[in-house]
N, C-alpha and C. Protein backbone atom coordinates (compact mmCIF):
# COMPACT_ATOMS: atom_id res chain seq x y z
N UNK A 1 0.77 -1.25 0.05
CA UNK A 1 0.08 -0.08 -0.39
C UNK A 1 0.81 1.28 -0.55
N UNK A 2 0.62 1.88 -1.23
CA UNK A 2 1.56 3.21 -1.58
C UNK A 2 0.51 4.20 -0.28
N UNK A 3 1.59 5.36 -0.96
CA UNK A 3 1.45 6.98 0.49
C UNK A 3 -0.13 7.51 -0.40
N UNK A 4 -0.39 7.29 -1.56
CA UNK A 4 -1.31 8.07 -2.34
C UNK A 4 -2.66 7.00 -2.08
N UNK A 5 -2.81 5.75 -2.14
CA UNK A 5 -3.61 5.41 -0.99
C UNK A 5 -3.76 5.09 0.31
N UNK A 6 -2.49 5.02 0.89
CA UNK A 6 -3.65 5.40 2.69
C UNK A 6 -4.11 6.77 2.51
N UNK A 7 -3.31 7.80 1.94
CA UNK A 7 -4.41 9.48 1.96
C UNK A 7 -5.23 9.28 1.52
N UNK A 8 -5.90 8.04 0.51
CA UNK A 8 -7.37 8.08 -0.46
C UNK A 8 -8.24 7.59 1.25
N UNK A 9 -7.66 6.79 1.66
CA UNK A 9 -8.94 5.81 3.12
C UNK A 9 -8.52 6.79 4.22
N UNK A 10 -7.80 8.12 4.38
CA UNK A 10 -7.84 8.71 5.22
C UNK A 10 -9.06 10.27 4.74
N UNK A 11 -8.87 10.10 3.77
CA UNK A 11 -9.58 11.80 3.24
C UNK A 11 -10.53 11.09 2.17
N UNK A 12 -11.17 9.94 1.43
CA UNK A 12 -12.16 9.52 1.24
C UNK A 12 -12.77 10.76 0.29
N UNK A 13 -13.05 12.17 0.81
CA UNK A 13 -13.66 12.56 0.13
C UNK A 13 -12.59 13.90 -1.11
N UNK A 14 -11.68 13.81 -0.66
CA UNK A 14 -10.88 14.66 -0.82
C UNK A 14 -10.04 14.54 -2.99
N UNK A 15 -10.43 15.23 -2.95
CA UNK A 15 -9.96 15.21 -4.68
C UNK A 15 -8.31 16.24 -4.65
N UNK A 16 -6.83 14.94 -5.12
CA UNK A 16 -5.98 15.68 -5.19
C UNK A 16 -5.56 16.63 -6.49
N UNK A 17 -5.08 17.77 -6.26
CA UNK A 17 -4.70 18.63 -7.34
C UNK A 17 -4.48 18.02 -8.56
N UNK A 18 -4.33 18.41 -9.90
CA UNK A 18 -3.25 17.91 -11.12
C UNK A 18 -2.26 17.84 -11.02
N UNK A 19 -1.96 19.22 -10.97
CA UNK A 19 -1.10 20.22 -11.71
C UNK A 19 -0.48 20.85 -10.13
N UNK A 20 0.26 20.26 -9.44
CA UNK A 20 0.18 21.60 -8.11
C UNK A 20 1.36 22.08 -8.24
N UNK A 21 2.64 21.79 -9.23
CA UNK A 21 3.06 23.07 -9.75
C UNK A 21 3.14 24.04 -9.95
N UNK A 22 1.84 24.93 -10.82
CA UNK A 22 0.94 25.85 -11.39
C UNK A 22 0.71 26.67 -10.19
N UNK A 23 0.10 26.20 -9.47
CA UNK A 23 0.38 27.60 -7.88
C UNK A 23 1.62 27.58 -7.45
N UNK A 24 3.37 26.91 -7.30
CA UNK A 24 4.36 27.56 -6.43
C UNK A 24 4.86 28.46 -7.66
N UNK A 25 4.77 28.19 -9.16
CA UNK A 25 4.76 29.44 -10.46
C UNK A 25 3.63 30.27 -10.39
N UNK A 26 2.76 30.34 -9.81
CA UNK A 26 1.95 31.85 -9.49
C UNK A 26 2.61 32.52 -8.30
N UNK A 27 3.30 31.74 -6.91
CA UNK A 27 3.74 32.50 -6.54
C UNK A 27 4.76 33.22 -6.35
N UNK A 28 5.79 32.70 -7.19
CA UNK A 28 6.65 33.11 -7.48
C UNK A 28 6.58 34.41 -8.87
N UNK A 29 5.57 34.66 -9.35
CA UNK A 29 5.47 35.13 -10.53
C UNK A 29 4.72 36.44 -9.60
N UNK A 30 4.00 36.50 -8.36
CA UNK A 30 3.31 37.27 -7.72
C UNK A 30 3.97 38.82 -6.98
N UNK A 31 5.68 38.81 -6.57
CA UNK A 31 6.09 39.88 -6.34
C UNK A 31 6.07 41.00 -7.50
N UNK A 32 6.10 41.78 -6.92
CA UNK A 32 6.09 43.53 -7.63
C UNK A 32 6.66 43.93 -8.57
N UNK A 33 7.31 44.03 -9.79
CA UNK A 33 8.15 44.40 -10.58
C UNK A 33 7.34 45.76 -10.39
N UNK A 34 8.58 46.53 -10.71
CA UNK A 34 8.33 48.40 -10.61
C UNK A 34 9.22 48.57 -11.45
N UNK A 35 8.96 50.39 -12.20
CA UNK A 35 9.44 51.02 -12.99
C UNK A 35 10.44 51.69 -12.75
N UNK A 36 10.70 52.23 -11.58
CA UNK A 36 12.45 52.34 -10.89
C UNK A 36 13.48 51.03 -10.94
N UNK A 37 15.19 51.57 -11.08
CA UNK A 37 15.81 50.17 -10.64
C UNK A 37 15.58 49.95 -8.92
N UNK A 38 16.47 48.99 -9.10
CA UNK A 38 16.82 48.78 -6.80
C UNK A 38 17.77 49.25 -7.65
N UNK A 39 18.70 49.57 -6.41
CA UNK A 39 19.82 49.95 -6.59
C UNK A 39 20.85 49.51 -5.28
N UNK A 40 21.93 48.95 -6.39
CA UNK A 40 22.96 47.83 -5.82
C UNK A 40 23.80 48.64 -5.34
N UNK A 41 24.61 48.52 -4.44
CA UNK A 41 25.75 49.49 -3.45
C UNK A 41 26.53 48.10 -2.60
N UNK A 42 28.00 49.71 -2.60
CA UNK A 42 28.77 48.23 -2.25
C UNK A 42 29.03 49.38 -1.16
N UNK A 43 29.44 48.65 0.43
CA UNK A 43 30.36 49.38 1.90
C UNK A 43 30.98 48.83 2.62
N UNK A 44 31.89 49.68 3.04
CA UNK A 44 32.39 48.18 4.08
C UNK A 44 32.26 48.83 5.41
N UNK A 45 31.54 47.84 6.73
CA UNK A 45 31.52 48.50 7.56
C UNK A 45 32.23 47.58 9.29
N UNK A 46 32.73 48.47 10.01
CA UNK A 46 33.95 47.71 10.51
C UNK A 46 34.79 46.81 9.78
N UNK A 47 35.24 47.63 8.19
CA UNK A 47 36.39 46.86 7.83
C UNK A 47 35.89 45.72 6.59
N UNK A 48 34.64 45.14 6.55
CA UNK A 48 33.64 43.79 6.17
C UNK A 48 32.97 44.75 4.91
N UNK A 49 33.34 43.90 3.99
CA UNK A 49 32.34 44.71 2.40
C UNK A 49 31.04 43.56 3.00
N UNK A 50 30.16 44.93 2.77
CA UNK A 50 28.31 44.51 3.06
C UNK A 50 27.98 45.11 1.17
N UNK A 51 27.25 44.34 0.80
CA UNK A 51 25.98 44.55 -0.26
C UNK A 51 24.24 45.13 0.12
N UNK A 52 24.45 46.50 -0.33
CA UNK A 52 23.08 46.63 0.10
C UNK A 52 22.00 46.77 -1.25
N UNK A 53 20.71 45.95 -0.99
CA UNK A 53 19.81 46.60 -2.18
C UNK A 53 18.62 47.92 -1.61
N UNK A 54 18.58 48.79 -2.11
CA UNK A 54 17.43 49.38 -2.07
C UNK A 54 16.27 49.44 -3.15
N UNK A 55 14.98 50.69 -2.22
CA UNK A 55 14.64 51.37 -3.65
C UNK A 55 13.28 50.05 -4.30
N UNK A 56 13.12 49.51 -3.81
CA UNK A 56 11.81 48.41 -3.62
C UNK A 56 10.55 49.69 -3.37
N UNK A 57 9.69 49.42 -4.06
CA UNK A 57 8.37 50.06 -3.90
C UNK A 57 7.39 49.57 -3.34
N UNK A 58 7.51 48.05 -3.92
CA UNK A 58 6.30 46.95 -3.26
C UNK A 58 6.15 46.34 -2.07
N UNK A 59 5.38 45.87 -1.58
CA UNK A 59 5.28 45.32 -0.11
C UNK A 59 6.52 44.19 0.65
N UNK A 60 6.40 44.91 1.82
CA UNK A 60 7.60 44.59 2.92
C UNK A 60 7.76 42.52 2.47
N UNK A 61 6.55 42.21 2.36
CA UNK A 61 6.56 40.16 2.44
C UNK A 61 7.44 40.28 1.20
N UNK A 62 7.53 40.97 0.20
CA UNK A 62 7.42 40.69 -1.76
C UNK A 62 9.47 40.87 -1.00
N UNK A 63 9.62 41.88 -0.07
CA UNK A 63 10.66 42.13 -0.72
C UNK A 63 11.33 40.88 0.83
N UNK A 64 10.89 40.89 1.53
CA UNK A 64 11.16 40.12 2.09
C UNK A 64 12.21 38.93 2.16
N UNK A 65 11.17 38.09 0.88
CA UNK A 65 10.89 36.95 0.49
C UNK A 65 12.22 36.98 -1.00
N UNK A 66 12.88 37.81 -1.38
CA UNK A 66 13.54 37.80 -2.76
C UNK A 66 15.26 38.42 -1.39
N UNK A 67 14.36 39.23 -0.45
CA UNK A 67 15.43 38.69 0.75
C UNK A 67 16.40 37.05 1.00
N UNK A 68 15.11 36.14 1.13
CA UNK A 68 15.74 35.05 1.62
C UNK A 68 15.87 33.41 0.69
N UNK A 69 15.43 34.50 -0.40
CA UNK A 69 15.64 33.71 -1.53
C UNK A 69 17.29 34.41 -1.81
N UNK A 70 18.02 35.26 -2.02
CA UNK A 70 18.64 36.25 -2.86
C UNK A 70 19.84 35.24 -1.28
N UNK A 71 20.05 35.27 -0.13
CA UNK A 71 20.26 34.27 0.92
C UNK A 71 20.78 32.83 0.39
N UNK A 72 19.40 32.41 0.50
CA UNK A 72 19.39 30.96 0.26
C UNK A 72 20.64 30.10 -1.13
N UNK A 73 19.94 31.35 -2.34
CA UNK A 73 20.60 31.22 -3.93
C UNK A 73 22.55 31.53 -3.26
N UNK A 74 22.37 32.32 -2.37
CA UNK A 74 24.30 32.97 -2.60
C UNK A 74 25.09 31.79 -1.99
N UNK A 75 24.07 31.12 -0.25
CA UNK A 75 25.07 31.06 0.20
C UNK A 75 26.22 31.83 1.96
N UNK A 76 24.33 32.74 1.80
CA UNK A 76 25.40 33.90 2.47
C UNK A 76 24.76 34.32 3.39
N UNK A 77 24.92 35.53 4.37
CA UNK A 77 24.14 36.19 5.49
C UNK A 77 23.52 37.43 5.31
N UNK A 78 22.60 37.75 5.68
CA UNK A 78 22.14 38.58 5.69
C UNK A 78 21.02 39.89 6.75
N UNK A 79 20.47 40.49 6.46
CA UNK A 79 19.41 41.20 6.96
C UNK A 79 18.58 41.96 6.08
N UNK A 80 17.57 42.14 6.65
CA UNK A 80 16.44 43.14 6.11
C UNK A 80 15.95 43.76 7.10
N UNK A 81 16.36 45.25 6.93
CA UNK A 81 16.21 46.63 7.94
C UNK A 81 15.92 47.48 7.14
N UNK A 82 15.13 48.44 7.45
CA UNK A 82 15.22 49.60 7.22
C UNK A 82 14.60 49.16 5.63
N UNK A 83 13.78 48.69 5.32
CA UNK A 83 13.27 48.55 3.37
C UNK A 83 14.65 48.87 3.19
N UNK A 84 15.87 47.83 3.42
CA UNK A 84 16.99 47.41 2.91
C UNK A 84 17.17 46.60 3.04
N UNK A 85 18.04 45.44 1.77
CA UNK A 85 18.33 44.14 1.67
C UNK A 85 19.83 43.90 2.43
N UNK A 86 20.70 43.90 3.26
CA UNK A 86 22.28 43.68 3.07
C UNK A 86 22.83 42.09 3.61
N UNK A 87 23.20 42.39 3.07
CA UNK A 87 23.86 40.72 2.31
C UNK A 87 25.31 40.87 2.69
N UNK A 88 26.28 39.43 3.22
CA UNK A 88 27.57 40.24 4.42
C UNK A 88 28.41 39.92 2.74
N UNK A 89 29.30 39.98 2.53
CA UNK A 89 30.27 40.35 1.71
C UNK A 89 30.15 41.07 0.03
N UNK A 90 30.68 40.83 -1.06
CA UNK A 90 30.50 42.41 -1.91
C UNK A 90 30.20 41.28 -3.67
N UNK A 91 28.69 40.79 -3.09
CA UNK A 91 28.42 39.59 -4.66
C UNK A 91 27.11 40.85 -4.66
N UNK A 92 27.72 41.94 -5.84
CA UNK A 92 27.34 42.65 -6.29
C UNK A 92 26.81 42.52 -8.06
N UNK A 93 27.72 41.89 -8.28
CA UNK A 93 27.29 40.84 -9.76
C UNK A 93 26.03 40.13 -9.35
N UNK A 94 26.85 38.84 -8.31
CA UNK A 94 25.53 37.44 -8.50
C UNK A 94 24.37 38.10 -8.10
N UNK A 95 23.98 39.53 -7.87
CA UNK A 95 22.75 39.93 -6.93
C UNK A 95 22.07 39.94 -8.53
N UNK A 96 22.83 41.25 -9.04
CA UNK A 96 22.47 41.56 -9.90
C UNK A 96 21.88 40.61 -11.51
N UNK A 97 22.94 40.06 -11.16
CA UNK A 97 22.18 38.99 -12.67
C UNK A 97 20.86 37.94 -12.07
N UNK A 98 20.97 37.53 -10.47
CA UNK A 98 19.52 37.07 -10.22
C UNK A 98 18.54 38.22 -10.99
N UNK A 99 18.58 39.32 -9.86
CA UNK A 99 17.45 40.47 -10.10
C UNK A 99 17.14 41.06 -11.81
N UNK A 100 18.23 40.59 -12.42
CA UNK A 100 17.61 40.99 -14.06
C UNK A 100 16.82 39.17 -14.66
N UNK A 101 17.15 38.16 -14.51
CA UNK A 101 17.02 37.45 -14.53
C UNK A 101 15.34 37.16 -13.92
N UNK A 102 15.25 37.54 -12.67
CA UNK A 102 13.27 37.96 -12.84
C UNK A 102 12.51 38.82 -13.13
N UNK A 103 13.32 39.49 -13.86
CA UNK A 103 13.00 41.21 -14.51
C UNK A 103 12.93 42.16 -13.57
N UNK A 104 14.03 42.37 -12.59
CA UNK A 104 13.65 43.67 -12.39
C UNK A 104 15.06 44.41 -12.96
N UNK A 105 14.55 45.39 -12.36
CA UNK A 105 16.23 46.87 -13.22
C UNK A 105 16.63 46.86 -12.22
N UNK A 106 18.25 46.74 -12.59
CA UNK A 106 18.51 46.87 -11.23
C UNK A 106 19.50 47.70 -11.47
N UNK A 107 20.44 48.88 -10.95
CA UNK A 107 21.30 49.54 -11.13
C UNK A 107 22.45 49.97 -9.98
N UNK A 108 24.02 49.62 -10.57
CA UNK A 108 25.14 49.77 -10.14
C UNK A 108 25.26 51.27 -9.22
N UNK A 109 25.54 51.27 -8.04
CA UNK A 109 25.18 53.01 -6.98
C UNK A 109 26.78 52.44 -7.11
N UNK A 110 28.48 53.37 -7.41
CA UNK A 110 29.29 53.48 -6.25
C UNK A 110 30.42 52.00 -6.84
N UNK A 111 31.83 52.56 -7.15
CA UNK A 111 32.76 51.63 -7.52
C UNK A 111 32.19 50.36 -8.53
């Protein structure tokens, strides 16, 4: 007896979705794309390099999701504070590529 049969026995009235992957795609496409570019800056704080993203005009929740996705993709630490994403390290090139693939306008500031 496989998992599908066990689930049918537990929930006989439930009809499973045929395409659950479409729902996930729609969530990722739900991020607000804006006209103004997101600014990608490089700074040093206490001698350590950081990358700062600011200028997003959509909802804070979307920007937080974007921050988490960037951090997991790059495998680095960071935070979301005061409508800015702070990524530890100099990852301007990689971040700009990721954001351009998602359809954002990105502008490099400084250096």
